[in-house]
Amino acid sequence: MKNQTTVYMLVLTGLSDLPSLQLPLFLVFLLIYLVTLNGNLLILLLIYTDSHLHTPMYFFLGTLAGLDMSYSSVTVPRMLFDLLTHKRVISVSACKTQIYFFFFFCTSEVFLLAVMSCDRYIAICRPLHYMQIMSWKVCVWLLSLISCFSALNSLLHTVILSIITFCRSNALQNFFCDLPQFLQVSCSDTFINVLLIYLSGILFGVGPLAVTFYPYFPIISTVLKIPSNQVRSKTFSTCFSHLTVVFIFYSTAFFNYFRSYANDHYAEDKVASLFYTVLTPFLNPLIYSLRNQELKLSLKRALQRLQFL
């Protein structure tokens, strides 16, 4: 057996090695993170305080806003800290913890997007039975199932990660502990880990993606039969917002996880990671709020109430 020194600390390469870019990058991503938090928090407050928004659709939209804030907060504060201090050193145990929570929130978002698609199908194609099918009991039950499946997925990956060791290059080619780059710096056989990524990707990724897109075939057919142009435009606007979020999230995540782990695509990895960790939660509130008339009206009512205080 060869003598090997087990590594307990890893070095994140970050977004850039140029010292002149550290402060500008810090300011840009700090601004994006603050807008992300405030935008999603505003959606949550509007949904909570406005009785007109106490419907299953906005219950799920509020949950999406909470998830966006959560998984953005798993990665971005660490990135900002490294940009400001230039340390970029993280322990292996902290890396595994970050991976666990990141997988939990991302898997939750995948399932939630599928549930939101089914919710739109029932609302548009079966409007008379909507409140009977999508009762509050069903909504809470669905959210509980999402949490259980997400916890199971993230726990599986974290448990398998506990058996691998690090004894060679400890430079992790990303700005946070993303699983593909985490496995690349291991000196153990990662076949089981990679196999689990593909299996869970099919079960917890491709499966929900199919559930997300399938309802839109009958939805489009039903919407095209609506005689009112205004109602048809409003319905298409809501559906388009949802599909935009799905496309951005899935396309960048699949690029990073469903490809060869032997090749080095460090720059592409970081760009893809930026999209689904930083830009997606930043764009979600903008996409939904700018294309949602009810949220705009709710914000207007809230501002009017503040004027009378």
C-alpha atoms as a PDB file:
ATOM      1  CA  MET A   1       0.000   0.000   0.000  1.00  0.00           C
ATOM      2  CA  LYS A   2       1.190   3.495  -0.820  1.00  0.00           C
ATOM      3  CA  ASN A   3       1.625   6.027   1.939  1.00  0.00           C
ATOM      4  CA  GLN A   4      -1.105   8.651   1.552  1.00  0.00           C
ATOM      5  CA  THR A   5      -1.969  11.651   3.671  1.00  0.00           C
ATOM      6  CA  THR A   6      -5.683  12.130   4.204  1.00  0.00           C
ATOM      7  CA  VAL A   7      -6.837  15.663   3.443  1.00  0.00           C
ATOM      8  CA  TYR A   8      -9.357  17.281   5.777  1.00  0.00           C
ATOM      9  CA  MET A   9      -9.364  20.768   4.244  1.00  0.00           C
ATOM     10  CA  LEU A  10     -10.237  21.804   0.694  1.00  0.00           C
ATOM     11  CA  VAL A  11      -9.510  24.976  -1.252  1.00  0.00           C
ATOM     12  CA  LEU A  12     -12.215  26.569  -3.367  1.00  0.00           C
ATOM     13  CA  THR A  13     -10.792  28.138  -6.517  1.00  0.00           C
ATOM     14  CA  GLY A  14     -13.568  30.742  -6.560  1.00  0.00           C
ATOM     15  CA  LEU A  15     -14.836  32.701  -9.543  1.00  0.00           C
ATOM     16  CA  SER A  16     -11.537  34.370 -10.457  1.00  0.00           C
ATOM     17  CA  ASP A  17      -7.916  34.496  -9.324  1.00  0.00           C
ATOM     18  CA  LEU A  18      -7.412  38.110 -10.405  1.00  0.00           C
ATOM     19  CA  PRO A  19      -7.096  40.316  -7.283  1.00  0.00           C
ATOM     20  CA  SER A  20      -8.514  43.327  -9.123  1.00  0.00           C
ATOM     21  CA  LEU A  21     -11.806  41.473  -9.729  1.00  0.00           C
ATOM     22  CA  GLN A  22     -12.452  40.338  -6.164  1.00  0.00           C
ATOM     23  CA  LEU A  23     -14.083  43.539  -4.884  1.00  0.00           C
ATOM     24  CA  PRO A  24     -16.199  44.212  -8.024  1.00  0.00           C
ATOM     25  CA  LEU A  25     -17.418  40.596  -7.997  1.00  0.00           C
ATOM     26  CA  PHE A  26     -18.193  40.891  -4.286  1.00  0.00           C
ATOM     27  CA  LEU A  27     -20.278  44.038  -4.821  1.00  0.00           C
ATOM     28  CA  VAL A  28     -22.136  42.600  -7.836  1.00  0.00           C
ATOM     29  CA  PHE A  29     -23.073  39.334  -6.144  1.00  0.00           C
ATOM     30  CA  LEU A  30     -23.869  41.055  -2.855  1.00  0.00           C
ATOM     31  CA  LEU A  31     -26.363  43.231  -4.739  1.00  0.00           C
ATOM     32  CA  ILE A  32     -27.825  40.182  -6.510  1.00  0.00           C
ATOM     33  CA  TYR A  33     -28.136  38.313  -3.211  1.00  0.00           C
ATOM     34  CA  LEU A  34     -29.850  41.236  -1.458  1.00  0.00           C
ATOM     35  CA  VAL A  35     -32.302  41.638  -4.357  1.00  0.00           C
ATOM     36  CA  THR A  36     -32.940  37.866  -4.241  1.00  0.00           C
ATOM     37  CA  LEU A  37     -33.711  37.928  -0.527  1.00  0.00           C
ATOM     38  CA  ASN A  38     -35.851  41.062  -0.694  1.00  0.00           C
ATOM     39  CA  GLY A  39     -37.714  40.025  -3.845  1.00  0.00           C
ATOM     40  CA  ASN A  40     -38.630  36.581  -2.538  1.00  0.00           C
ATOM     41  CA  LEU A  41     -39.400  37.952   0.920  1.00  0.00           C
ATOM     42  CA  LEU A  42     -41.722  40.537  -0.641  1.00  0.00           C
ATOM     43  CA  ILE A  43     -43.617  37.763  -2.463  1.00  0.00           C
ATOM     44  CA  LEU A  44     -43.935  35.833   0.801  1.00  0.00           C
ATOM     45  CA  LEU A  45     -45.230  38.895   2.677  1.00  0.00           C
ATOM     46  CA  LEU A  46     -47.746  39.757  -0.041  1.00  0.00           C
ATOM     47  CA  ILE A  47     -49.089  36.207  -0.116  1.00  0.00           C
ATOM     48  CA  TYR A  48     -49.287  36.058   3.687  1.00  0.00           C
ATOM     49  CA  THR A  49     -50.951  39.443   4.230  1.00  0.00           C
ATOM     50  CA  ASP A  50     -53.307  39.600   1.220  1.00  0.00           C
ATOM     51  CA  SER A  51     -56.391  37.383   1.579  1.00  0.00           C
ATOM     52  CA  HIS A  52     -56.941  37.540  -2.196  1.00  0.00           C
ATOM     53  CA  LEU A  53     -53.779  35.445  -2.595  1.00  0.00           C
ATOM     54  CA  HIS A  54     -54.763  32.707  -0.154  1.00  0.00           C
ATOM     55  CA  THR A  55     -55.126  30.086  -2.889  1.00  0.00           C
ATOM     56  CA  PRO A  56     -53.183  26.881  -3.635  1.00  0.00           C
ATOM     57  CA  MET A  57     -51.375  28.534  -6.569  1.00  0.00           C
ATOM     58  CA  TYR A  58     -49.918  31.273  -4.364  1.00  0.00           C
ATOM     59  CA  PHE A  59     -49.308  28.830  -1.528  1.00  0.00           C
ATOM     60  CA  PHE A  60     -46.931  26.958  -3.841  1.00  0.00           C
ATOM     61  CA  LEU A  61     -45.505  30.202  -5.221  1.00  0.00           C
ATOM     62  CA  GLY A  62     -44.744  31.336  -1.672  1.00  0.00           C
ATOM     63  CA  THR A  63     -43.071  27.988  -0.992  1.00  0.00           C
ATOM     64  CA  LEU A  64     -40.977  28.455  -4.147  1.00  0.00           C
ATOM     65  CA  ALA A  65     -39.897  31.880  -2.895  1.00  0.00           C
ATOM     66  CA  GLY A  66     -38.869  30.338   0.430  1.00  0.00           C
ATOM     67  CA  LEU A  67     -36.861  27.620  -1.330  1.00  0.00           C
ATOM     68  CA  ASP A  68     -35.136  30.192  -3.543  1.00  0.00           C
ATOM     69  CA  MET A  69     -34.033  32.158  -0.492  1.00  0.00           C
ATOM     70  CA  SER A  70     -32.896  28.979   1.261  1.00  0.00           C
ATOM     71  CA  TYR A  71     -30.734  27.334  -1.371  1.00  0.00           C
ATOM     72  CA  SER A  72     -29.306  30.689  -2.434  1.00  0.00           C
ATOM     73  CA  SER A  73     -28.284  31.226   1.193  1.00  0.00           C
ATOM     74  CA  VAL A  74     -26.518  27.848   1.244  1.00  0.00           C
ATOM     75  CA  THR A  75     -23.979  28.984  -1.382  1.00  0.00           C
ATOM     76  CA  VAL A  76     -23.871  32.760  -1.882  1.00  0.00           C
ATOM     77  CA  PRO A  77     -22.823  33.928   1.633  1.00  0.00           C
ATOM     78  CA  ARG A  78     -19.864  31.547   1.504  1.00  0.00           C
ATOM     79  CA  MET A  79     -18.912  32.873  -1.938  1.00  0.00           C
ATOM     80  CA  LEU A  80     -19.150  36.479  -0.701  1.00  0.00           C
ATOM     81  CA  PHE A  81     -17.012  35.638   2.331  1.00  0.00           C
ATOM     82  CA  ASP A  82     -14.302  34.129   0.119  1.00  0.00           C
ATOM     83  CA  LEU A  83     -14.363  37.084  -2.276  1.00  0.00           C
ATOM     84  CA  LEU A  84     -13.915  39.485   0.620  1.00  0.00           C
ATOM     85  CA  THR A  85     -11.318  37.587   2.693  1.00  0.00           C
ATOM     86  CA  HIS A  86      -9.504  35.650  -0.111  1.00  0.00           C
ATOM     87  CA  LYS A  87      -9.271  32.589   2.215  1.00  0.00           C
ATOM     88  CA  ARG A  88     -11.308  30.046   0.203  1.00  0.00           C
ATOM     89  CA  VAL A  89     -10.495  27.234   2.648  1.00  0.00           C
ATOM     90  CA  ILE A  90     -13.298  24.916   3.742  1.00  0.00           C
ATOM     91  CA  SER A  91     -13.270  21.684   5.723  1.00  0.00           C
ATOM     92  CA  VAL A  92     -14.434  18.426   4.160  1.00  0.00           C
ATOM     93  CA  SER A  93     -17.192  18.085   6.779  1.00  0.00           C
ATOM     94  CA  ALA A  94     -18.441  21.617   6.046  1.00  0.00           C
ATOM     95  CA  CYS A  95     -18.392  20.758   2.335  1.00  0.00           C
ATOM     96  CA  LYS A  96     -20.553  17.677   2.920  1.00  0.00           C
ATOM     97  CA  THR A  97     -22.966  19.737   5.024  1.00  0.00           C
ATOM     98  CA  GLN A  98     -23.256  22.303   2.249  1.00  0.00           C
ATOM     99  CA  ILE A  99     -23.915  19.531  -0.296  1.00  0.00           C
ATOM    100  CA  TYR A 100     -26.639  18.029   1.920  1.00  0.00           C
ATOM    101  CA  PHE A 101     -28.624  21.243   2.282  1.00  0.00           C
ATOM    102  CA  PHE A 102     -28.050  22.256  -1.336  1.00  0.00           C
ATOM    103  CA  PHE A 103     -29.412  18.911  -2.575  1.00  0.00           C
ATOM    104  CA  PHE A 104     -32.335  19.122  -0.163  1.00  0.00           C
ATOM    105  CA  PHE A 105     -33.487  22.553  -1.348  1.00  0.00           C
ATOM    106  CA  CYS A 106     -32.807  21.873  -5.043  1.00  0.00           C
ATOM    107  CA  THR A 107     -34.669  18.547  -4.997  1.00  0.00           C
ATOM    108  CA  SER A 108     -37.538  20.272  -3.205  1.00  0.00           C
ATOM    109  CA  GLU A 109     -37.668  22.889  -5.954  1.00  0.00           C
ATOM    110  CA  VAL A 110     -37.698  20.204  -8.676  1.00  0.00           C
ATOM    111  CA  PHE A 111     -40.704  18.476  -7.107  1.00  0.00           C
ATOM    112  CA  LEU A 112     -42.406  21.778  -6.335  1.00  0.00           C
ATOM    113  CA  LEU A 113     -42.186  22.894  -9.979  1.00  0.00           C
ATOM    114  CA  ALA A 114     -43.863  19.602 -10.967  1.00  0.00           C
ATOM    115  CA  VAL A 115     -46.635  20.144  -8.390  1.00  0.00           C
ATOM    116  CA  MET A 116     -47.150  23.721  -9.605  1.00  0.00           C
ATOM    117  CA  SER A 117     -47.562  22.395 -13.148  1.00  0.00           C
ATOM    118  CA  CYS A 118     -50.217  19.916 -12.005  1.00  0.00           C
ATOM    119  CA  ASP A 119     -51.917  22.704 -10.057  1.00  0.00           C
ATOM    120  CA  ARG A 120     -52.151  24.820 -13.237  1.00  0.00           C
ATOM    121  CA  TYR A 121     -53.548  21.814 -15.130  1.00  0.00           C
ATOM    122  CA  ILE A 122     -56.345  21.299 -12.600  1.00  0.00           C
ATOM    123  CA  ALA A 123     -57.126  25.032 -12.415  1.00  0.00           C
ATOM    124  CA  ILE A 124     -57.379  25.412 -16.207  1.00  0.00           C
ATOM    125  CA  CYS A 125     -58.707  22.047 -17.372  1.00  0.00           C
ATOM    126  CA  ARG A 126     -60.923  21.165 -14.390  1.00  0.00           C
ATOM    127  CA  PRO A 127     -61.861  24.541 -12.859  1.00  0.00           C
ATOM    128  CA  LEU A 128     -65.172  23.375 -11.326  1.00  0.00           C
ATOM    129  CA  HIS A 129     -63.401  20.723  -9.248  1.00  0.00           C
ATOM    130  CA  TYR A 130     -60.291  22.775  -8.486  1.00  0.00           C
ATOM    131  CA  MET A 131     -60.930  23.650  -4.831  1.00  0.00           C
ATOM    132  CA  GLN A 132     -62.217  20.163  -4.143  1.00  0.00           C
ATOM    133  CA  ILE A 133     -59.087  18.518  -5.562  1.00  0.00           C
ATOM    134  CA  MET A 134     -56.524  21.088  -4.404  1.00  0.00           C
ATOM    135  CA  SER A 135     -57.778  21.497  -0.848  1.00  0.00           C
ATOM    136  CA  TRP A 136     -55.498  22.879   1.834  1.00  0.00           C
ATOM    137  CA  LYS A 137     -55.132  19.379   3.257  1.00  0.00           C
ATOM    138  CA  VAL A 138     -53.879  18.129  -0.115  1.00  0.00           C
ATOM    139  CA  CYS A 139     -51.480  21.089  -0.439  1.00  0.00           C
ATOM    140  CA  VAL A 140     -49.909  20.404   2.965  1.00  0.00           C
ATOM    141  CA  TRP A 141     -49.763  16.684   2.194  1.00  0.00           C
ATOM    142  CA  LEU A 142     -47.967  17.354  -1.098  1.00  0.00           C
ATOM    143  CA  LEU A 143     -45.499  19.694   0.607  1.00  0.00           C
ATOM    144  CA  SER A 144     -44.798  17.027   3.245  1.00  0.00           C
ATOM    145  CA  LEU A 145     -44.116  14.433   0.543  1.00  0.00           C
ATOM    146  CA  ILE A 146     -41.763  16.848  -1.212  1.00  0.00           C
ATOM    147  CA  SER A 147     -39.826  17.361   2.025  1.00  0.00           C
ATOM    148  CA  CYS A 148     -39.568  13.607   2.665  1.00  0.00           C
ATOM    149  CA  PHE A 149     -38.333  12.739  -0.852  1.00  0.00           C
ATOM    150  CA  SER A 150     -35.878  15.636  -0.812  1.00  0.00           C
ATOM    151  CA  ALA A 151     -34.471  14.651   2.580  1.00  0.00           C
ATOM    152  CA  LEU A 152     -34.096  11.048   1.369  1.00  0.00           C
ATOM    153  CA  ASN A 153     -32.242  12.112  -1.795  1.00  0.00           C
ATOM    154  CA  SER A 154     -29.823  14.444  -0.013  1.00  0.00           C
ATOM    155  CA  LEU A 155     -29.252  11.901   2.779  1.00  0.00           C
ATOM    156  CA  LEU A 156     -28.371   9.160   0.270  1.00  0.00           C
ATOM    157  CA  HIS A 157     -25.720  11.327  -1.370  1.00  0.00           C
ATOM    158  CA  THR A 158     -24.280  12.490   1.949  1.00  0.00           C
ATOM    159  CA  VAL A 159     -24.051   8.957   3.383  1.00  0.00           C
ATOM    160  CA  ILE A 160     -22.239   7.688   0.275  1.00  0.00           C
ATOM    161  CA  LEU A 161     -19.890  10.677   0.488  1.00  0.00           C
ATOM    162  CA  SER A 162     -18.838   9.619   3.998  1.00  0.00           C
ATOM    163  CA  ILE A 163     -16.909   6.615   2.621  1.00  0.00           C
ATOM    164  CA  ILE A 164     -14.637   8.557   0.244  1.00  0.00           C
ATOM    165  CA  THR A 165     -11.348  10.176   1.226  1.00  0.00           C
ATOM    166  CA  PHE A 166      -9.177  13.006  -0.085  1.00  0.00           C
ATOM    167  CA  CYS A 167      -5.455  12.533  -0.370  1.00  0.00           C
ATOM    168  CA  ARG A 168      -4.282  14.360  -3.495  1.00  0.00           C
ATOM    169  CA  SER A 169      -4.995  17.759  -5.044  1.00  0.00           C
ATOM    170  CA  ASN A 170      -7.348  19.547  -2.690  1.00  0.00           C
ATOM    171  CA  ALA A 171      -8.278  22.383  -5.072  1.00  0.00           C
ATOM    172  CA  LEU A 172     -12.020  22.196  -5.709  1.00  0.00           C
ATOM    173  CA  GLN A 173     -12.740  23.878  -9.045  1.00  0.00           C
ATOM    174  CA  ASN A 174     -15.802  25.885  -8.057  1.00  0.00           C
ATOM    175  CA  PHE A 175     -16.940  28.675  -5.753  1.00  0.00           C
ATOM    176  CA  PHE A 176     -18.924  26.268  -3.539  1.00  0.00           C
ATOM    177  CA  CYS A 177     -18.986  22.551  -2.785  1.00  0.00           C
ATOM    178  CA  ASP A 178     -20.874  21.228  -5.776  1.00  0.00           C
ATOM    179  CA  LEU A 179     -20.957  17.444  -5.981  1.00  0.00           C
ATOM    180  CA  PRO A 180     -19.310  16.859  -9.416  1.00  0.00           C
ATOM    181  CA  GLN A 181     -16.262  18.966  -8.545  1.00  0.00           C
ATOM    182  CA  PHE A 182     -16.197  17.507  -5.021  1.00  0.00           C
ATOM    183  CA  LEU A 183     -15.863  13.990  -6.447  1.00  0.00           C
ATOM    184  CA  GLN A 184     -13.109  15.027  -8.865  1.00  0.00           C
ATOM    185  CA  VAL A 185     -10.667  15.771  -6.020  1.00  0.00           C
ATOM    186  CA  SER A 186     -11.244  12.463  -4.231  1.00  0.00           C
ATOM    187  CA  CYS A 187      -8.640   9.684  -4.312  1.00  0.00           C
ATOM    188  CA  SER A 188     -11.284   6.996  -3.667  1.00  0.00           C
ATOM    189  CA  ASP A 189     -13.249   5.072  -6.254  1.00  0.00           C
ATOM    190  CA  THR A 190     -16.272   7.297  -6.943  1.00  0.00           C
ATOM    191  CA  PHE A 191     -18.118   4.882  -9.231  1.00  0.00           C
ATOM    192  CA  ILE A 192     -20.934   4.393  -6.693  1.00  0.00           C
ATOM    193  CA  ASN A 193     -21.251   8.138  -6.187  1.00  0.00           C
ATOM    194  CA  VAL A 194     -21.464   8.860  -9.927  1.00  0.00           C
ATOM    195  CA  LEU A 195     -23.913   5.969 -10.410  1.00  0.00           C
ATOM    196  CA  LEU A 196     -26.080   7.394  -7.619  1.00  0.00           C
ATOM    197  CA  ILE A 197     -26.039  10.822  -9.303  1.00  0.00           C
ATOM    198  CA  TYR A 198     -27.382   9.333 -12.532  1.00  0.00           C
ATOM    199  CA  LEU A 199     -29.941   7.109 -10.803  1.00  0.00           C
ATOM    200  CA  SER A 200     -31.244   9.878  -8.554  1.00  0.00           C
ATOM    201  CA  GLY A 201     -31.135  12.243 -11.527  1.00  0.00           C
ATOM    202  CA  ILE A 202     -33.475   9.952 -13.436  1.00  0.00           C
ATOM    203  CA  LEU A 203     -35.742   9.380 -10.437  1.00  0.00           C
ATOM    204  CA  PHE A 204     -35.696  12.857  -8.869  1.00  0.00           C
ATOM    205  CA  GLY A 205     -34.861  14.892 -11.997  1.00  0.00           C
ATOM    206  CA  VAL A 206     -36.113  13.430 -15.260  1.00  0.00           C
ATOM    207  CA  GLY A 207     -39.251  12.009 -13.601  1.00  0.00           C
ATOM    208  CA  PRO A 208     -40.439  15.351 -12.150  1.00  0.00           C
ATOM    209  CA  LEU A 209     -39.433  17.075 -15.409  1.00  0.00           C
ATOM    210  CA  ALA A 210     -41.787  14.779 -17.358  1.00  0.00           C
ATOM    211  CA  VAL A 211     -44.543  15.467 -14.822  1.00  0.00           C
ATOM    212  CA  THR A 212     -43.853  19.195 -15.194  1.00  0.00           C
ATOM    213  CA  PHE A 213     -44.153  19.324 -18.987  1.00  0.00           C
ATOM    214  CA  TYR A 214     -46.852  16.719 -19.673  1.00  0.00           C
ATOM    215  CA  PRO A 215     -49.805  18.766 -18.273  1.00  0.00           C
ATOM    216  CA  TYR A 216     -48.998  21.622 -20.667  1.00  0.00           C
ATOM    217  CA  PHE A 217     -50.252  19.669 -23.670  1.00  0.00           C
ATOM    218  CA  PRO A 218     -53.879  19.607 -22.418  1.00  0.00           C
ATOM    219  CA  ILE A 219     -53.397  23.081 -20.896  1.00  0.00           C
ATOM    220  CA  ILE A 220     -52.468  24.623 -24.268  1.00  0.00           C
ATOM    221  CA  SER A 221     -55.334  22.772 -25.967  1.00  0.00           C
ATOM    222  CA  THR A 222     -57.811  24.091 -23.386  1.00  0.00           C
ATOM    223  CA  VAL A 223     -56.492  27.662 -23.408  1.00  0.00           C
ATOM    224  CA  LEU A 224     -56.729  27.897 -27.206  1.00  0.00           C
ATOM    225  CA  LYS A 225     -60.465  27.176 -26.917  1.00  0.00           C
ATOM    226  CA  ILE A 226     -61.065  30.134 -24.580  1.00  0.00           C
ATOM    227  CA  PRO A 227     -62.956  32.816 -26.553  1.00  0.00           C
ATOM    228  CA  SER A 228     -61.734  35.779 -24.498  1.00  0.00           C
ATOM    229  CA  ASN A 229     -58.376  37.120 -25.679  1.00  0.00           C
ATOM    230  CA  GLN A 230     -57.763  38.775 -22.311  1.00  0.00           C
ATOM    231  CA  VAL A 231     -58.326  35.587 -20.311  1.00  0.00           C
ATOM    232  CA  ARG A 232     -56.294  33.580 -22.814  1.00  0.00           C
ATOM    233  CA  SER A 233     -53.407  36.061 -22.603  1.00  0.00           C
ATOM    234  CA  LYS A 234     -53.490  36.056 -18.785  1.00  0.00           C
ATOM    235  CA  THR A 235     -53.441  32.252 -18.648  1.00  0.00           C
ATOM    236  CA  PHE A 236     -50.593  31.973 -21.146  1.00  0.00           C
ATOM    237  CA  SER A 237     -48.649  34.584 -19.164  1.00  0.00           C
ATOM    238  CA  THR A 238     -48.871  32.523 -15.975  1.00  0.00           C
ATOM    239  CA  CYS A 239     -47.855  29.335 -17.778  1.00  0.00           C
ATOM    240  CA  PHE A 240     -44.994  31.042 -19.600  1.00  0.00           C
ATOM    241  CA  SER A 241     -43.585  32.340 -16.298  1.00  0.00           C
ATOM    242  CA  HIS A 242     -43.585  28.823 -14.872  1.00  0.00           C
ATOM    243  CA  LEU A 243     -41.978  27.297 -17.969  1.00  0.00           C
ATOM    244  CA  THR A 244     -39.267  29.978 -18.038  1.00  0.00           C
ATOM    245  CA  VAL A 245     -38.267  29.145 -14.464  1.00  0.00           C
ATOM    246  CA  VAL A 246     -38.266  25.410 -15.267  1.00  0.00           C
ATOM    247  CA  PHE A 247     -36.114  25.838 -18.382  1.00  0.00           C
ATOM    248  CA  ILE A 248     -33.420  27.965 -16.700  1.00  0.00           C
ATOM    249  CA  PHE A 249     -33.194  25.688 -13.673  1.00  0.00           C
ATOM    250  CA  TYR A 250     -33.145  22.346 -15.484  1.00  0.00           C
ATOM    251  CA  SER A 251     -30.920  23.259 -18.434  1.00  0.00           C
ATOM    252  CA  THR A 252     -28.029  24.511 -16.289  1.00  0.00           C
ATOM    253  CA  ALA A 253     -28.356  21.756 -13.658  1.00  0.00           C
ATOM    254  CA  PHE A 254     -28.417  18.989 -16.284  1.00  0.00           C
ATOM    255  CA  PHE A 255     -25.377  20.499 -17.996  1.00  0.00           C
ATOM    256  CA  ASN A 256     -23.357  20.288 -14.795  1.00  0.00           C
ATOM    257  CA  TYR A 257     -24.481  16.863 -13.554  1.00  0.00           C
ATOM    258  CA  PHE A 258     -25.297  14.748 -16.638  1.00  0.00           C
ATOM    259  CA  ARG A 259     -22.011  14.629 -18.524  1.00  0.00           C
ATOM    260  CA  SER A 260     -18.577  13.055 -18.294  1.00  0.00           C
ATOM    261  CA  TYR A 261     -16.836  13.483 -14.956  1.00  0.00           C
ATOM    262  CA  ALA A 262     -13.432  12.740 -16.468  1.00  0.00           C
ATOM    263  CA  ASN A 263     -13.153  15.914 -18.551  1.00  0.00           C
ATOM    264  CA  ASP A 264     -12.193  19.277 -17.154  1.00  0.00           C
ATOM    265  CA  HIS A 265     -14.682  22.008 -17.963  1.00  0.00           C
ATOM    266  CA  TYR A 266     -13.935  24.349 -15.078  1.00  0.00           C
ATOM    267  CA  ALA A 267     -15.112  27.597 -16.674  1.00  0.00           C
ATOM    268  CA  GLU A 268     -18.327  26.018 -17.992  1.00  0.00           C
ATOM    269  CA  ASP A 269     -18.966  24.399 -14.600  1.00  0.00           C
ATOM    270  CA  LYS A 270     -18.738  27.714 -12.798  1.00  0.00           C
ATOM    271  CA  VAL A 271     -21.033  29.471 -15.275  1.00  0.00           C
ATOM    272  CA  ALA A 272     -23.633  26.681 -15.032  1.00  0.00           C
ATOM    273  CA  SER A 273     -23.365  26.700 -11.231  1.00  0.00           C
ATOM    274  CA  LEU A 274     -23.877  30.468 -11.167  1.00  0.00           C
ATOM    275  CA  PHE A 275     -27.129  30.076 -13.083  1.00  0.00           C
ATOM    276  CA  TYR A 276     -28.842  27.549 -10.830  1.00  0.00           C
ATOM    277  CA  THR A 277     -27.402  28.812  -7.524  1.00  0.00           C
ATOM    278  CA  VAL A 278     -27.397  32.598  -7.967  1.00  0.00           C
ATOM    279  CA  LEU A 279     -29.294  33.763 -11.051  1.00  0.00           C
ATOM    280  CA  THR A 280     -32.317  31.411 -10.911  1.00  0.00           C
ATOM    281  CA  PRO A 281     -33.431  32.474  -7.393  1.00  0.00           C
ATOM    282  CA  PHE A 282     -32.685  36.070  -8.428  1.00  0.00           C
ATOM    283  CA  LEU A 283     -34.806  35.853 -11.617  1.00  0.00           C
ATOM    284  CA  ASN A 284     -37.727  33.868 -10.178  1.00  0.00           C
ATOM    285  CA  PRO A 285     -39.371  36.745  -8.250  1.00  0.00           C
ATOM    286  CA  LEU A 286     -38.795  39.080 -11.214  1.00  0.00           C
ATOM    287  CA  ILE A 287     -40.348  36.620 -13.688  1.00  0.00           C
ATOM    288  CA  TYR A 288     -43.359  35.874 -11.519  1.00  0.00           C
ATOM    289  CA  SER A 289     -43.982  39.400 -10.253  1.00  0.00           C
ATOM    290  CA  LEU A 290     -43.565  41.210 -13.581  1.00  0.00           C
ATOM    291  CA  ARG A 291     -45.898  38.788 -15.417  1.00  0.00           C
ATOM    292  CA  ASN A 292     -48.460  38.322 -12.635  1.00  0.00           C
ATOM    293  CA  GLN A 293     -51.264  40.887 -12.503  1.00  0.00           C
ATOM    294  CA  GLU A 294     -52.601  39.664  -9.154  1.00  0.00           C
ATOM    295  CA  LEU A 295     -49.227  40.151  -7.477  1.00  0.00           C
ATOM    296  CA  LYS A 296     -49.002  43.642  -8.969  1.00  0.00           C
ATOM    297  CA  LEU A 297     -52.479  44.491  -7.637  1.00  0.00           C
ATOM    298  CA  SER A 298     -51.571  43.037  -4.249  1.00  0.00           C
ATOM    299  CA  LEU A 299     -48.446  45.205  -4.098  1.00  0.00           C
ATOM    300  CA  LYS A 300     -50.518  48.248  -5.078  1.00  0.00           C
ATOM    301  CA  ARG A 301     -53.032  47.519  -2.296  1.00  0.00           C
ATOM    302  CA  ALA A 302     -50.200  47.082   0.201  1.00  0.00           C
ATOM    303  CA  LEU A 303     -48.663  50.431  -0.773  1.00  0.00           C
ATOM    304  CA  GLN A 304     -52.047  52.112  -0.484  1.00  0.00           C
ATOM    305  CA  ARG A 305     -52.500  50.688   3.026  1.00  0.00           C
ATOM    306  CA  LEU A 306     -49.080  52.015   4.034  1.00  0.00           C
ATOM    307  CA  GLN A 307     -50.058  55.509   2.867  1.00  0.00           C
ATOM    308  CA  PHE A 308     -53.000  55.554   5.287  1.00  0.00           C
ATOM    309  CA  LEU A 309     -50.951  54.460   8.297  1.00  0.00           C
END
